[in-house]
Amino acid sequence: MERPGRARRYRWWLALAALALLALAAFFLMWRPALPAQAAPARFDAQVAARGAQLSKLGMCASCHTADPARPFAGGLAMATPFGTVFSTNITPHAGTGIGGWSLAAFERAMRQGVSRDGRLLYPAFPYTHYTKLAQDDMRALYAYFLTRPALDAPARENRMRFPFGFRPLLAFWNLLYLDESPWQPDPGQPAAWNRGAYIANTLAHCSACHTPRTALGGPDIERQFDGGEADDWYAPALNARSPTPLPWTQAHLAQYLRTGIAPGHAIAGGPMQDVVVQLGQADQNDVAALATYIHGFLKQAPASAPAARTPGPLPAPRDDDPDLARMRLGYETYAMACASCHDAGRGPSSGAALQLQQAVALYDPDPRSLVHIIREGIVPLDDAPGRWMPGFGTELDEARITALAAYLRRYGAGAEPWPGLEKSVEDAVKNKRKP
């Protein structure tokens, strides 16, 4: 009979051997050589760089790589993820802190494989899983554009990842699961505009990065494409048959919304979508129309409009037999005080008129976070640009009133069942706003 001490030592040796093999496999999977720095940025054709500028708008590159509008593409923007905070990097042609020393091969490797010039694996907050399918001409154009921007000295900030996600070899295993480097293939059964939109949506615009649910490992749940996701703690609504939109979209209205952030019968863009609209508003409008054609192919599968959205007029007072009457009355009182003067009138040319709330998609979302953010923070045009705006009420309304207002709007605006996590969503929004 084997002695217990010897059996324990045997198991320890097996465990150590397994760990050694795992470490060896991780090293084999993650190791990439550093690529030599180029002596000086190459010269580029002006037309190629101009095309890269347009492509960068479709990719919303400035949205993530610009923390200070006065220093475009210098990086430094904090991006919160479930695994920690990632800071965007400097992609100007500064030789020391940017990509001035990067050859086209180094740039392409980062875009297609998520590997920096020095061989480090990049975190997938940078959507290389989408960029990997870019056409070669588009890759060259983007490279030309970024290498012709003003060079800005901006050292990379240290990421703040939770244990063990700061251990970059883990990314090699993540890439095995989620990085598909096969080239983009058009669908021969679809028209040219649809295929162009599909290419843009799934590469440059990386729409599914926000509008598709994530797995526990942070990868896209590809079986649920466009089923709805999240971005910066906002709910990103489904873009397919699960869309919560109370009124149907047309392709023309969707194209208008993507360019301007507003369309008849639909709420104005808020939260992270505002930056997307700013970028798409500067992109080639034929490309934006193609993107709308592709997305509308999914959106038109959504069910018929919600009955409440077809009923114009002010929202009603709570019914006397409402089972949550006290909270509904508080919500209605708050609505009358803070919302009705603009929203009861319905949207019009006046800046004091707003969409009637039975048509606002945030009331129909399966998740209350977007509505809570809108109530607390409002919707303000970026960089003081002209446009529709809504004031935030986070300093005027306490948690009880915000919760009551959201609950009232859900029931009497959308005619929908209560959100089960509403109280926690309000509590989390208040708590996160207080964080430095």
Protein backbone atom coordinates (compact mmCIF):
# COMPACT_ATOMS: atom_id res chain seq x y z
CA MET A 1 0.00 0.00 0.00
CA GLU A 2 1.37 3.44 -1.00
CA ARG A 3 2.21 5.70 1.91
CA PRO A 4 0.16 8.97 2.20
CA GLY A 5 3.26 11.19 2.16
CA ARG A 6 4.53 9.71 -1.08
CA ALA A 7 1.07 10.06 -2.70
CA ARG A 8 0.91 13.73 -1.71
CA ARG A 9 4.37 14.39 -3.15
CA TYR A 10 3.35 12.63 -6.34
CA ARG A 11 0.27 14.85 -6.68
CA TRP A 12 2.39 17.97 -6.07
CA TRP A 13 4.81 16.94 -8.82
CA LEU A 14 1.89 16.36 -11.19
CA ALA A 15 0.46 19.79 -10.36
CA LEU A 16 3.84 21.47 -10.89
CA ALA A 17 4.30 19.66 -14.19
CA ALA A 18 0.83 20.75 -15.34
CA LEU A 19 1.59 24.37 -14.39
CA ALA A 20 4.91 24.22 -16.23
CA LEU A 21 3.20 22.87 -19.35
CA LEU A 22 0.52 25.56 -19.10
CA ALA A 23 3.17 28.28 -18.77
CA LEU A 24 5.06 26.84 -21.73
CA ALA A 25 1.88 26.75 -23.82
CA ALA A 26 1.06 30.34 -22.84
CA PHE A 27 4.56 31.48 -23.80
CA PHE A 28 4.33 29.66 -27.13
CA LEU A 29 0.93 31.16 -27.88
CA MET A 30 1.70 34.72 -26.80
CA TRP A 31 5.28 35.20 -27.90
CA ARG A 32 5.65 37.59 -30.80
CA PRO A 33 8.93 39.17 -31.85
CA ALA A 34 9.46 42.90 -31.57
CA LEU A 35 9.49 44.51 -35.00
CA PRO A 36 12.26 46.98 -35.84
CA ALA A 37 11.47 50.67 -35.64
CA GLN A 38 11.48 52.58 -38.90
CA ALA A 39 14.01 55.39 -39.01
CA ALA A 40 11.52 58.06 -40.07
CA PRO A 41 7.86 58.17 -41.08
CA ALA A 42 7.35 57.35 -44.72
CA ARG A 43 5.85 59.82 -47.19
CA PHE A 44 2.28 59.26 -48.27
CA ASP A 45 0.03 60.13 -51.15
CA ALA A 46 -2.34 62.90 -50.05
CA GLN A 47 -5.37 61.16 -51.58
CA VAL A 48 -4.60 57.94 -49.72
CA ALA A 49 -4.29 59.85 -46.43
CA ALA A 50 -7.57 61.68 -47.16
CA ARG A 51 -9.29 58.34 -47.68
CA GLY A 52 -7.83 57.18 -44.37
CA ALA A 53 -9.37 60.24 -42.71
CA GLN A 54 -12.80 59.19 -43.94
CA LEU A 55 -12.26 55.61 -42.81
CA SER A 56 -11.18 56.80 -39.36
CA LYS A 57 -14.55 58.54 -39.00
CA LEU A 58 -16.35 55.28 -39.78
CA GLY A 59 -14.16 53.59 -37.17
CA MET A 60 -14.74 56.32 -34.56
CA CYS A 61 -10.98 56.19 -33.88
CA ALA A 62 -10.87 59.63 -32.28
CA SER A 63 -13.60 58.66 -29.81
CA CYS A 64 -11.30 56.28 -27.94
CA HIS A 65 -7.87 57.68 -28.76
CA THR A 66 -8.63 61.27 -27.72
CA ALA A 67 -8.93 62.28 -24.06
CA ASP A 68 -8.26 65.99 -24.67
CA PRO A 69 -9.95 67.47 -27.79
CA ALA A 70 -6.98 69.82 -28.16
CA ARG A 71 -4.69 66.78 -28.56
CA PRO A 72 -6.43 64.47 -31.05
CA PHE A 73 -5.29 60.84 -31.17
CA ALA A 74 -2.85 61.33 -28.27
CA GLY A 75 -4.67 58.66 -26.23
CA GLY A 76 -5.05 58.62 -22.47
CA LEU A 77 -8.80 57.97 -22.39
CA ALA A 78 -9.84 55.64 -19.55
CA MET A 79 -12.06 52.76 -20.66
CA ALA A 80 -13.72 50.82 -17.86
CA THR A 81 -14.18 47.09 -18.44
CA PRO A 82 -15.35 44.28 -16.15
CA PHE A 83 -11.67 43.27 -15.87
CA GLY A 84 -10.17 46.66 -15.03
CA THR A 85 -9.45 50.02 -16.64
CA VAL A 86 -7.62 50.22 -19.96
CA PHE A 87 -6.15 53.51 -21.19
CA SER A 88 -6.05 54.24 -24.90
CA THR A 89 -2.66 54.86 -26.45
CA ASN A 90 -1.04 57.59 -28.52
CA ILE A 91 -1.48 56.89 -32.24
CA THR A 92 0.11 60.10 -33.52
CA PRO A 93 3.47 59.80 -35.33
CA HIS A 94 5.54 60.83 -32.31
CA ALA A 95 8.68 58.70 -32.48
CA GLY A 96 9.02 58.15 -28.74
CA THR A 97 5.49 57.82 -27.38
CA GLY A 98 3.35 57.33 -30.49
CA ILE A 99 3.55 55.17 -33.61
CA GLY A 100 6.11 57.25 -35.52
CA GLY A 101 8.53 54.33 -35.41
CA TRP A 102 5.94 51.82 -36.62
CA SER A 103 6.23 50.34 -40.08
CA LEU A 104 3.14 49.36 -42.03
CA ALA A 105 3.84 45.75 -41.02
CA ALA A 106 3.82 46.71 -37.32
CA PHE A 107 0.63 48.74 -37.72
CA GLU A 108 -1.07 45.92 -39.59
CA ARG A 109 -0.05 43.33 -37.00
CA ALA A 110 -1.60 45.44 -34.25
CA MET A 111 -4.80 45.92 -36.25
CA ARG A 112 -5.18 42.31 -37.35
CA GLN A 113 -3.69 40.35 -34.44
CA GLY A 114 -3.73 42.70 -31.45
CA VAL A 115 0.08 42.71 -31.08
CA SER A 116 2.05 45.89 -30.40
CA ARG A 117 5.28 46.70 -32.25
CA ASP A 118 7.28 45.59 -29.19
CA GLY A 119 5.54 42.19 -29.21
CA ARG A 120 3.14 42.77 -26.30
CA LEU A 121 -0.42 41.51 -26.68
CA LEU A 122 -3.00 44.30 -26.70
CA TYR A 123 -6.18 44.23 -24.64
CA PRO A 124 -9.32 43.70 -26.74
CA ALA A 125 -10.80 46.99 -25.55
CA PHE A 126 -9.03 47.85 -28.81
CA PRO A 127 -11.37 46.11 -31.29
CA TYR A 128 -8.76 44.30 -33.36
CA THR A 129 -11.13 41.33 -33.63
CA HIS A 130 -13.10 43.55 -36.03
CA TYR A 131 -10.21 45.36 -37.72
CA THR A 132 -8.58 42.03 -38.58
CA LYS A 133 -10.94 41.75 -41.57
CA LEU A 134 -10.11 45.15 -43.08
CA ALA A 135 -9.22 45.24 -46.76
CA GLN A 136 -5.53 45.84 -47.42
CA ASP A 137 -6.13 49.15 -49.19
CA ASP A 138 -8.12 50.40 -46.20
CA MET A 139 -5.33 49.33 -43.86
CA ARG A 140 -2.79 51.32 -45.91
CA ALA A 141 -5.07 54.36 -46.00
CA LEU A 142 -5.54 54.38 -42.23
CA TYR A 143 -1.80 54.01 -41.73
CA ALA A 144 -1.17 56.94 -44.06
CA TYR A 145 -3.70 59.09 -42.21
CA PHE A 146 -2.36 58.47 -38.71
CA LEU A 147 1.27 58.86 -39.78
CA THR A 148 0.45 62.30 -41.22
CA ARG A 149 -1.19 63.69 -38.06
CA PRO A 150 0.69 66.19 -35.87
CA ALA A 151 3.13 64.30 -33.66
CA LEU A 152 2.21 64.70 -29.97
CA ASP A 153 4.30 63.58 -27.02
CA ALA A 154 1.95 61.55 -24.81
CA PRO A 155 3.39 58.60 -22.88
CA ALA A 156 1.09 55.63 -22.35
CA ARG A 157 -0.69 55.46 -19.01
CA GLU A 158 -0.48 52.32 -16.91
CA ASN A 159 -3.56 50.11 -17.20
CA ARG A 160 -5.31 49.22 -13.95
CA MET A 161 -6.38 45.61 -14.36
CA ARG A 162 -7.78 43.37 -11.65
CA PHE A 163 -5.90 40.18 -10.81
CA PRO A 164 -5.21 38.04 -12.79
CA PHE A 165 -6.16 40.01 -15.92
CA GLY A 166 -3.00 42.09 -15.84
CA PHE A 167 -1.14 38.90 -16.84
CA ARG A 168 -1.03 39.42 -20.60
CA PRO A 169 -0.30 35.78 -21.58
CA LEU A 170 -3.96 35.10 -20.75
CA LEU A 171 -4.83 37.13 -23.85
CA ALA A 172 -3.30 34.41 -26.00
CA PHE A 173 -5.98 31.98 -24.84
CA TRP A 174 -8.66 34.67 -25.31
CA ASN A 175 -7.50 35.14 -28.90
CA LEU A 176 -7.79 31.40 -29.52
CA LEU A 177 -11.47 31.68 -28.62
CA TYR A 178 -12.43 34.97 -30.24
CA LEU A 179 -9.94 36.10 -32.90
CA ASP A 180 -10.99 35.00 -36.39
CA GLU A 181 -8.42 36.20 -38.93
CA SER A 182 -10.21 34.88 -42.00
CA PRO A 183 -10.73 37.59 -44.65
CA TRP A 184 -14.00 39.42 -45.07
CA GLN A 185 -16.33 37.77 -47.58
CA PRO A 186 -19.26 39.60 -49.21
CA ASP A 187 -22.60 37.85 -49.57
CA PRO A 188 -23.23 37.27 -53.30
CA GLY A 189 -26.97 37.08 -52.62
CA GLN A 190 -27.13 40.67 -51.36
CA PRO A 191 -26.94 43.99 -53.26
CA ALA A 192 -23.79 46.11 -53.28
CA ALA A 193 -25.09 48.66 -50.74
CA TRP A 194 -25.93 45.92 -48.24
CA ASN A 195 -22.50 44.33 -48.64
CA ARG A 196 -20.77 47.68 -48.24
CA GLY A 197 -22.77 48.31 -45.07
CA ALA A 198 -22.02 44.82 -43.77
CA TYR A 199 -18.31 45.37 -44.31
CA ILE A 200 -18.38 48.72 -42.50
CA ALA A 201 -20.51 47.45 -39.60
CA ASN A 202 -18.39 44.37 -38.98
CA THR A 203 -14.95 45.92 -39.47
CA LEU A 204 -14.46 49.66 -39.06
CA ALA A 205 -17.63 50.61 -37.18
CA HIS A 206 -17.49 47.45 -35.00
CA CYS A 207 -21.22 47.84 -34.22
CA SER A 208 -21.49 44.46 -32.53
CA ALA A 209 -18.83 45.46 -29.98
CA CYS A 210 -21.58 47.35 -28.14
CA HIS A 211 -24.81 45.90 -29.52
CA THR A 212 -23.98 42.21 -28.98
CA PRO A 213 -23.91 40.54 -25.53
CA ARG A 214 -20.58 39.49 -24.06
CA THR A 215 -19.63 36.14 -22.61
CA ALA A 216 -18.21 35.73 -19.11
CA LEU A 217 -14.73 36.04 -20.66
CA GLY A 218 -15.59 39.35 -22.32
CA GLY A 219 -15.78 37.97 -25.84
CA PRO A 220 -18.71 38.52 -28.21
CA ASP A 221 -21.51 35.99 -27.97
CA ILE A 222 -21.60 35.41 -31.72
CA GLU A 223 -24.71 33.24 -31.48
CA ARG A 224 -26.58 36.37 -30.32
CA GLN A 225 -25.34 38.97 -32.78
CA PHE A 226 -27.06 42.35 -32.28
CA ASP A 227 -29.18 41.03 -29.38
CA GLY A 228 -28.24 44.09 -27.29
CA GLY A 229 -25.24 44.84 -25.11
CA GLU A 230 -23.75 47.73 -23.19
CA ALA A 231 -21.33 50.63 -23.51
CA ASP A 232 -20.05 52.83 -20.69
CA ASP A 233 -22.82 51.52 -18.40
CA TRP A 234 -25.52 52.42 -20.94
CA TYR A 235 -27.71 49.71 -22.42
CA ALA A 236 -27.00 49.38 -26.15
CA PRO A 237 -30.33 48.19 -27.59
CA ALA A 238 -30.77 45.17 -29.81
CA LEU A 239 -30.62 45.89 -33.53
CA ASN A 240 -32.54 42.83 -34.68
CA ALA A 241 -35.91 41.19 -34.03
CA ARG A 242 -35.34 41.80 -30.30
CA SER A 243 -35.15 45.56 -30.79
CA PRO A 244 -37.14 47.41 -28.12
CA THR A 245 -37.94 50.28 -30.50
CA PRO A 246 -41.58 51.34 -29.97
CA LEU A 247 -41.96 52.53 -33.57
CA PRO A 248 -40.52 50.87 -36.68
CA TRP A 249 -37.45 52.30 -38.36
CA THR A 250 -37.15 53.03 -42.06
CA GLN A 251 -33.79 52.90 -43.80
CA ALA A 252 -33.99 56.63 -44.53
CA HIS A 253 -34.75 57.53 -40.91
CA LEU A 254 -31.95 55.28 -39.67
CA ALA A 255 -29.47 56.91 -42.06
CA GLN A 256 -30.64 60.33 -40.86
CA TYR A 257 -30.23 59.26 -37.23
CA LEU A 258 -26.71 57.93 -37.79
CA ARG A 259 -25.69 61.23 -39.41
CA THR A 260 -27.46 63.66 -37.08
CA GLY A 261 -28.55 61.81 -33.93
CA ILE A 262 -32.24 62.55 -34.50
CA ALA A 263 -35.02 61.12 -36.68
CA PRO A 264 -38.82 61.51 -36.77
CA GLY A 265 -40.58 59.45 -34.11
CA HIS A 266 -37.36 58.35 -32.41
CA ALA A 267 -35.39 59.59 -29.41
CA ILE A 268 -32.24 61.66 -29.88
CA ALA A 269 -28.88 59.95 -29.49
CA GLY A 270 -27.54 59.94 -25.95
CA GLY A 271 -24.59 58.58 -24.03
CA PRO A 272 -21.87 56.81 -26.06
CA MET A 273 -24.01 57.00 -29.21
CA GLN A 274 -23.54 60.77 -29.31
CA ASP A 275 -19.85 60.40 -30.15
CA VAL A 276 -20.67 57.80 -32.79
CA VAL A 277 -23.05 60.25 -34.45
CA VAL A 278 -20.47 63.05 -34.37
CA GLN A 279 -17.98 60.83 -36.18
CA LEU A 280 -20.46 59.40 -38.70
CA GLY A 281 -21.73 62.89 -39.43
CA GLN A 282 -18.27 63.65 -40.86
CA ALA A 283 -17.93 60.38 -42.78
CA ASP A 284 -18.80 59.70 -46.40
CA GLN A 285 -22.59 59.86 -46.49
CA ASN A 286 -22.83 57.05 -49.04
CA ASP A 287 -21.02 54.82 -46.56
CA VAL A 288 -23.38 55.88 -43.76
CA ALA A 289 -26.37 55.13 -46.00
CA ALA A 290 -24.90 51.69 -46.74
CA LEU A 291 -24.42 51.08 -43.02
CA ALA A 292 -28.08 52.01 -42.45
CA THR A 293 -29.13 49.62 -45.22
CA TYR A 294 -27.32 46.73 -43.56
CA ILE A 295 -28.53 47.45 -40.01
CA HIS A 296 -32.08 48.08 -41.20
CA GLY A 297 -32.09 44.59 -42.66
CA PHE A 298 -31.99 43.34 -39.06
CA LEU A 299 -34.11 46.07 -37.46
CA LYS A 300 -37.05 45.54 -39.78
CA GLN A 301 -37.48 42.08 -38.24
CA ALA A 302 -38.65 43.71 -34.99
CA PRO A 303 -42.33 43.22 -34.09
CA ALA A 304 -45.01 45.80 -34.82
CA SER A 305 -44.92 49.04 -32.87
CA ALA A 306 -45.97 49.30 -29.24
CA PRO A 307 -49.60 50.51 -28.88
CA ALA A 308 -48.60 53.19 -26.35
CA ALA A 309 -46.27 54.81 -28.89
CA ARG A 310 -49.21 55.30 -31.26
CA THR A 311 -51.24 57.18 -28.63
CA PRO A 312 -50.27 60.86 -28.68
CA GLY A 313 -50.79 63.29 -25.85
CA PRO A 314 -49.66 63.83 -22.26
CA LEU A 315 -49.04 60.83 -20.02
CA PRO A 316 -51.93 60.08 -17.64
CA ALA A 317 -52.13 60.26 -13.87
CA PRO A 318 -51.81 56.89 -12.10
CA ARG A 319 -54.93 54.79 -11.70
CA ASP A 320 -56.43 54.69 -8.22
CA ASP A 321 -56.19 50.90 -8.18
CA ASP A 322 -52.50 50.82 -9.12
CA PRO A 323 -50.78 48.27 -6.83
CA ASP A 324 -47.78 50.60 -6.44
CA LEU A 325 -49.87 53.75 -6.12
CA ALA A 326 -47.66 55.73 -3.72
CA ARG A 327 -44.59 55.40 -5.91
CA MET A 328 -46.57 55.99 -9.11
CA ARG A 329 -47.98 59.21 -7.66
CA LEU A 330 -44.50 60.38 -6.70
CA GLY A 331 -43.30 59.52 -10.21
CA TYR A 332 -46.20 61.36 -11.83
CA GLU A 333 -45.63 64.39 -9.62
CA THR A 334 -41.96 64.38 -10.64
CA TYR A 335 -42.91 63.98 -14.30
CA ALA A 336 -45.30 66.94 -14.10
CA MET A 337 -42.63 69.06 -12.42
CA ALA A 338 -39.56 68.14 -14.51
CA CYS A 339 -40.68 66.60 -17.81
CA ALA A 340 -44.16 67.58 -18.92
CA SER A 341 -43.51 71.17 -19.99
CA CYS A 342 -41.31 69.97 -22.87
CA HIS A 343 -42.37 66.39 -23.54
CA ASP A 344 -46.15 66.85 -23.44
CA ALA A 345 -45.92 69.28 -26.35
CA GLY A 346 -44.22 66.79 -28.63
CA ARG A 347 -41.18 67.47 -30.76
CA GLY A 348 -41.30 70.58 -32.92
CA PRO A 349 -39.00 73.28 -34.29
CA SER A 350 -38.84 75.01 -30.90
CA SER A 351 -35.96 74.16 -28.57
CA GLY A 352 -38.55 73.84 -25.79
CA ALA A 353 -40.34 70.95 -27.47
CA ALA A 354 -39.35 67.31 -27.07
CA LEU A 355 -40.38 63.82 -28.13
CA GLN A 356 -43.45 62.52 -26.35
CA LEU A 357 -42.10 59.95 -23.96
CA GLN A 358 -44.33 57.09 -25.04
CA GLN A 359 -42.10 57.06 -28.15
CA ALA A 360 -38.78 57.07 -26.25
CA VAL A 361 -36.94 53.77 -26.66
CA ALA A 362 -35.29 54.00 -23.22
CA LEU A 363 -38.70 53.31 -21.64
CA TYR A 364 -38.94 50.03 -23.56
CA ASP A 365 -35.38 48.78 -22.99
CA PRO A 366 -35.16 45.53 -21.00
CA ASP A 367 -32.59 47.32 -18.82
CA PRO A 368 -33.29 50.67 -17.06
CA ARG A 369 -29.72 52.03 -17.05
CA SER A 370 -30.03 54.27 -20.10
CA LEU A 371 -33.18 55.95 -18.79
CA VAL A 372 -31.56 56.46 -15.38
CA HIS A 373 -28.53 58.08 -17.03
CA ILE A 374 -30.75 60.34 -19.14
CA ILE A 375 -32.75 61.49 -16.11
CA ARG A 376 -29.64 62.15 -14.04
CA GLU A 377 -27.21 63.48 -16.66
CA GLY A 378 -29.43 64.74 -19.47
CA ILE A 379 -28.32 64.79 -23.10
CA VAL A 380 -25.96 67.63 -23.93
CA PRO A 381 -24.31 68.15 -27.35
CA LEU A 382 -20.62 67.28 -27.30
CA ASP A 383 -18.06 70.09 -27.21
CA ASP A 384 -20.81 72.73 -26.98
CA ALA A 385 -21.90 72.03 -30.56
CA PRO A 386 -25.38 73.25 -31.54
CA GLY A 387 -28.09 70.64 -31.27
CA ARG A 388 -30.99 69.31 -29.27
CA TRP A 389 -30.32 68.97 -25.58
CA MET A 390 -32.02 67.92 -22.39
CA PRO A 391 -31.01 69.10 -18.92
CA GLY A 392 -30.01 66.55 -16.31
CA PHE A 393 -31.82 66.37 -12.98
CA GLY A 394 -29.23 64.50 -10.94
CA THR A 395 -28.73 67.44 -8.58
CA GLU A 396 -32.45 68.23 -8.19
CA LEU A 397 -33.91 64.74 -7.77
CA ASP A 398 -32.96 62.31 -5.03
CA GLU A 399 -32.78 58.55 -5.55
CA ALA A 400 -36.39 58.00 -4.47
CA ARG A 401 -37.73 60.49 -7.03
CA ILE A 402 -35.52 59.19 -9.85
CA THR A 403 -36.65 55.64 -9.10
CA ALA A 404 -40.30 56.69 -8.92
CA LEU A 405 -40.08 58.68 -12.15
CA ALA A 406 -38.46 55.80 -14.04
CA ALA A 407 -41.02 53.33 -12.67
CA TYR A 408 -43.90 55.65 -13.62
CA LEU A 409 -42.56 56.19 -17.16
CA ARG A 410 -42.10 52.47 -17.63
CA ARG A 411 -45.69 51.70 -16.63
CA TYR A 412 -47.63 54.68 -17.98
CA GLY A 413 -45.35 55.66 -20.85
CA ALA A 414 -44.43 52.25 -22.25
CA GLY A 415 -47.23 50.21 -20.69
CA ALA A 416 -44.60 47.62 -19.78
CA GLU A 417 -43.90 45.42 -16.78
CA PRO A 418 -41.68 46.91 -14.02
CA TRP A 419 -37.92 46.61 -14.28
CA PRO A 420 -36.77 44.15 -11.59
CA GLY A 421 -33.39 45.85 -11.08
CA LEU A 422 -34.48 49.48 -11.13
CA GLU A 423 -33.56 50.40 -7.55
CA LYS A 424 -30.07 48.95 -7.91
CA SER A 425 -29.54 50.71 -11.24
CA VAL A 426 -30.35 54.07 -9.65
CA GLU A 427 -28.18 53.31 -6.63
CA ASP A 428 -25.24 52.26 -8.84
CA ALA A 429 -25.59 55.34 -11.06
CA VAL A 430 -25.43 57.63 -8.02
CA LYS A 431 -22.53 55.71 -6.51
CA ASN A 432 -20.49 55.67 -9.73
CA LYS A 433 -21.04 59.39 -10.27
CA ARG A 434 -19.52 60.08 -6.86
CA LYS A 435 -16.33 58.17 -7.67
CA PRO A 436 -13.33 60.40 -8.47
